[in-house]
N, C-alpha and C. Protein backbone atom coordinates (compact mmCIF):
# COMPACT_ATOMS: atom_id res chain seq x y z
N UNK A 1 -58.36 -34.93 36.13
CA UNK A 1 -58.70 -34.96 37.52
C UNK A 1 -58.39 -36.37 38.05
N UNK A 2 -57.72 -36.46 39.20
CA UNK A 2 -57.35 -37.77 39.73
C UNK A 2 -58.57 -38.59 40.18
N UNK A 3 -58.38 -39.90 40.14
CA UNK A 3 -59.43 -40.83 40.61
C UNK A 3 -58.95 -41.45 41.91
N UNK A 4 -59.85 -41.54 42.87
CA UNK A 4 -59.55 -42.11 44.17
C UNK A 4 -60.48 -43.30 44.41
N UNK A 5 -59.94 -44.32 45.07
CA UNK A 5 -60.72 -45.52 45.34
C UNK A 5 -61.13 -45.52 46.82
N UNK A 6 -62.38 -45.86 47.05
CA UNK A 6 -62.94 -45.89 48.40
C UNK A 6 -63.61 -47.24 48.63
N UNK A 7 -63.75 -47.62 49.91
CA UNK A 7 -64.47 -48.83 50.28
C UNK A 7 -65.50 -48.47 51.33
N UNK A 8 -66.70 -49.01 51.13
CA UNK A 8 -67.79 -48.79 52.07
C UNK A 8 -67.67 -49.79 53.21
N UNK A 9 -67.66 -49.31 54.43
CA UNK A 9 -67.57 -50.21 55.58
C UNK A 9 -68.90 -50.89 55.87
N UNK A 10 -70.00 -50.32 55.39
CA UNK A 10 -71.32 -50.90 55.65
C UNK A 10 -71.61 -52.08 54.74
N UNK A 11 -71.38 -51.91 53.42
CA UNK A 11 -71.74 -52.98 52.49
C UNK A 11 -70.53 -53.66 51.85
N UNK A 12 -69.31 -53.12 52.06
CA UNK A 12 -68.11 -53.74 51.51
C UNK A 12 -67.82 -53.40 50.07
N UNK A 13 -68.65 -52.59 49.44
CA UNK A 13 -68.46 -52.21 48.03
C UNK A 13 -67.24 -51.30 47.89
N UNK A 14 -66.47 -51.48 46.82
CA UNK A 14 -65.39 -50.55 46.50
C UNK A 14 -65.81 -49.77 45.27
N UNK A 15 -65.44 -48.50 45.26
CA UNK A 15 -65.85 -47.62 44.16
C UNK A 15 -64.81 -46.53 43.99
N UNK A 16 -64.85 -45.87 42.84
CA UNK A 16 -63.91 -44.80 42.52
C UNK A 16 -64.66 -43.50 42.33
N UNK A 17 -63.99 -42.41 42.70
CA UNK A 17 -64.53 -41.08 42.48
C UNK A 17 -63.45 -40.21 41.85
N UNK A 18 -63.84 -39.40 40.88
CA UNK A 18 -62.95 -38.39 40.32
C UNK A 18 -63.21 -37.11 41.08
N UNK A 19 -62.16 -36.59 41.70
CA UNK A 19 -62.31 -35.35 42.46
C UNK A 19 -60.96 -34.65 42.55
N UNK A 20 -60.97 -33.35 42.80
CA UNK A 20 -59.70 -32.63 42.94
C UNK A 20 -58.88 -33.16 44.10
N UNK A 21 -57.57 -33.01 44.03
CA UNK A 21 -56.69 -33.49 45.08
C UNK A 21 -57.03 -32.86 46.43
N UNK A 22 -57.46 -31.62 46.42
CA UNK A 22 -57.81 -30.94 47.67
C UNK A 22 -59.00 -31.59 48.37
N UNK A 23 -59.80 -32.36 47.63
CA UNK A 23 -60.98 -33.01 48.20
C UNK A 23 -60.79 -34.52 48.39
N UNK A 24 -59.56 -35.02 48.22
CA UNK A 24 -59.34 -36.47 48.28
C UNK A 24 -59.67 -37.06 49.64
N UNK A 25 -59.50 -36.31 50.71
CA UNK A 25 -59.78 -36.83 52.05
C UNK A 25 -61.19 -36.49 52.53
N UNK A 26 -61.95 -35.80 51.70
CA UNK A 26 -63.32 -35.43 52.08
C UNK A 26 -64.18 -36.69 52.16
N UNK A 27 -65.21 -36.68 53.00
CA UNK A 27 -66.09 -37.86 53.09
C UNK A 27 -66.71 -38.20 51.73
N UNK A 28 -66.87 -39.49 51.49
CA UNK A 28 -67.46 -39.97 50.24
C UNK A 28 -68.65 -40.85 50.57
N UNK A 29 -69.68 -40.80 49.76
CA UNK A 29 -70.87 -41.64 49.93
C UNK A 29 -70.81 -42.74 48.89
N UNK A 30 -71.02 -43.98 49.31
CA UNK A 30 -70.97 -45.10 48.37
C UNK A 30 -72.20 -45.08 47.46
N UNK A 31 -72.15 -45.79 46.34
CA UNK A 31 -73.28 -45.82 45.41
C UNK A 31 -74.59 -46.30 46.04
N UNK A 32 -74.50 -47.10 47.13
CA UNK A 32 -75.70 -47.58 47.81
C UNK A 32 -76.24 -46.57 48.82
N UNK A 33 -75.52 -45.44 48.99
CA UNK A 33 -76.00 -44.39 49.88
C UNK A 33 -75.42 -44.39 51.27
N UNK A 34 -74.52 -45.31 51.57
CA UNK A 34 -73.89 -45.35 52.89
C UNK A 34 -72.79 -44.29 52.98
N UNK A 35 -72.63 -43.71 54.16
CA UNK A 35 -71.60 -42.68 54.31
C UNK A 35 -70.41 -43.12 55.15
N UNK A 36 -70.37 -44.37 55.59
CA UNK A 36 -69.24 -44.90 56.36
C UNK A 36 -68.24 -45.51 55.39
N UNK A 37 -67.41 -44.66 54.78
CA UNK A 37 -66.46 -45.12 53.77
C UNK A 37 -65.04 -44.76 54.19
N UNK A 38 -64.09 -45.43 53.58
CA UNK A 38 -62.68 -45.17 53.85
C UNK A 38 -61.95 -45.10 52.51
N UNK A 39 -61.02 -44.15 52.41
CA UNK A 39 -60.22 -44.01 51.19
C UNK A 39 -59.14 -45.08 51.21
N UNK A 40 -58.99 -45.80 50.09
CA UNK A 40 -57.99 -46.87 50.00
C UNK A 40 -56.66 -46.31 49.51
N UNK A 41 -55.60 -46.95 49.90
CA UNK A 41 -54.28 -46.56 49.47
C UNK A 41 -54.06 -47.07 48.05
N UNK A 42 -53.77 -46.18 47.15
CA UNK A 42 -53.54 -46.56 45.76
C UNK A 42 -52.06 -46.80 45.54
N UNK A 43 -51.76 -47.75 44.67
CA UNK A 43 -50.37 -48.02 44.32
C UNK A 43 -50.19 -47.80 42.84
N UNK A 44 -48.99 -47.46 42.47
CA UNK A 44 -48.66 -47.23 41.07
C UNK A 44 -47.66 -48.30 40.67
N UNK A 45 -47.92 -48.91 39.54
CA UNK A 45 -47.02 -49.94 39.06
C UNK A 45 -46.28 -49.42 37.83
N UNK A 46 -44.96 -49.52 37.86
CA UNK A 46 -44.14 -49.09 36.74
C UNK A 46 -43.37 -50.31 36.28
N UNK A 47 -43.50 -50.62 35.00
CA UNK A 47 -42.81 -51.78 34.45
C UNK A 47 -41.66 -51.32 33.58
N UNK A 48 -40.62 -52.09 33.55
CA UNK A 48 -39.47 -51.75 32.71
C UNK A 48 -38.50 -52.91 32.69
N UNK A 49 -37.50 -52.77 31.85
CA UNK A 49 -36.52 -53.85 31.76
C UNK A 49 -35.10 -53.32 31.90
N UNK A 50 -34.93 -52.14 32.44
CA UNK A 50 -33.59 -51.59 32.62
C UNK A 50 -32.88 -52.34 33.72
N UNK A 51 -31.60 -52.55 33.53
CA UNK A 51 -30.80 -53.20 34.56
C UNK A 51 -29.59 -52.34 34.86
N UNK A 52 -29.13 -52.39 36.06
CA UNK A 52 -27.93 -51.65 36.46
C UNK A 52 -26.70 -52.43 36.03
N UNK A 53 -25.67 -51.73 35.60
CA UNK A 53 -24.44 -52.44 35.22
C UNK A 53 -23.77 -53.04 36.45
N UNK A 54 -23.07 -54.14 36.23
CA UNK A 54 -22.34 -54.78 37.31
C UNK A 54 -21.13 -53.94 37.66
N UNK A 55 -20.83 -53.79 38.95
CA UNK A 55 -19.65 -53.01 39.32
C UNK A 55 -18.37 -53.71 38.87
N UNK A 56 -17.41 -52.93 38.44
CA UNK A 56 -16.12 -53.47 38.02
C UNK A 56 -15.19 -53.50 39.22
N UNK A 57 -14.64 -54.67 39.54
CA UNK A 57 -13.75 -54.73 40.70
C UNK A 57 -12.47 -53.93 40.45
N UNK A 58 -12.00 -53.25 41.49
CA UNK A 58 -10.77 -52.48 41.40
C UNK A 58 -9.59 -53.40 41.70
N UNK A 59 -8.50 -53.26 40.95
CA UNK A 59 -7.34 -54.11 41.23
C UNK A 59 -6.74 -53.78 42.61
N UNK A 60 -6.32 -54.80 43.32
CA UNK A 60 -5.70 -54.65 44.64
C UNK A 60 -6.59 -53.92 45.64
N UNK A 61 -7.91 -54.04 45.49
CA UNK A 61 -8.82 -53.36 46.40
C UNK A 61 -8.99 -54.13 47.69
N UNK A 62 -8.36 -55.26 47.79
CA UNK A 62 -8.52 -56.05 49.01
C UNK A 62 -9.73 -56.94 48.89
N UNK A 63 -10.43 -57.09 49.94
CA UNK A 63 -11.61 -57.93 49.93
C UNK A 63 -11.96 -58.26 51.34
N UNK A 64 -12.66 -59.33 51.51
CA UNK A 64 -13.03 -59.74 52.84
C UNK A 64 -14.22 -58.97 53.36
N UNK A 65 -14.32 -58.90 54.66
CA UNK A 65 -15.53 -58.37 55.29
C UNK A 65 -15.66 -56.86 55.20
N UNK A 66 -14.56 -56.13 55.05
CA UNK A 66 -14.69 -54.67 55.09
C UNK A 66 -13.92 -53.99 53.96
N UNK A 67 -13.70 -54.68 52.88
CA UNK A 67 -13.02 -54.06 51.76
C UNK A 67 -11.50 -54.11 51.83
N UNK A 68 -10.97 -54.87 52.72
CA UNK A 68 -9.51 -55.04 52.80
C UNK A 68 -8.92 -54.38 54.02
N UNK A 69 -7.86 -54.92 54.48
CA UNK A 69 -7.14 -54.29 55.58
C UNK A 69 -7.36 -54.96 56.91
N UNK A 70 -8.57 -55.24 57.30
CA UNK A 70 -8.81 -55.77 58.65
C UNK A 70 -8.91 -57.30 58.67
N UNK A 71 -9.12 -57.92 57.55
CA UNK A 71 -9.29 -59.38 57.51
C UNK A 71 -8.07 -59.98 56.80
N UNK A 72 -7.03 -60.29 57.52
CA UNK A 72 -5.81 -60.81 56.90
C UNK A 72 -5.89 -62.29 56.72
């Protein structure tokens, strides 16, 4: 079951709740009992070390501002 993070506007406390996705936008009560809460935007961090290969220049492809032809 996904976990969602909320912040209480009354006391400033942040807390998490496990609930079904269908209930993610439903009102949440903070641990102190306040009901003025807002769901926080969660971010996902993915780490890796993959790199894209460098493009190989084509022979006689021109160059300049638009790939050749207009910049003599």
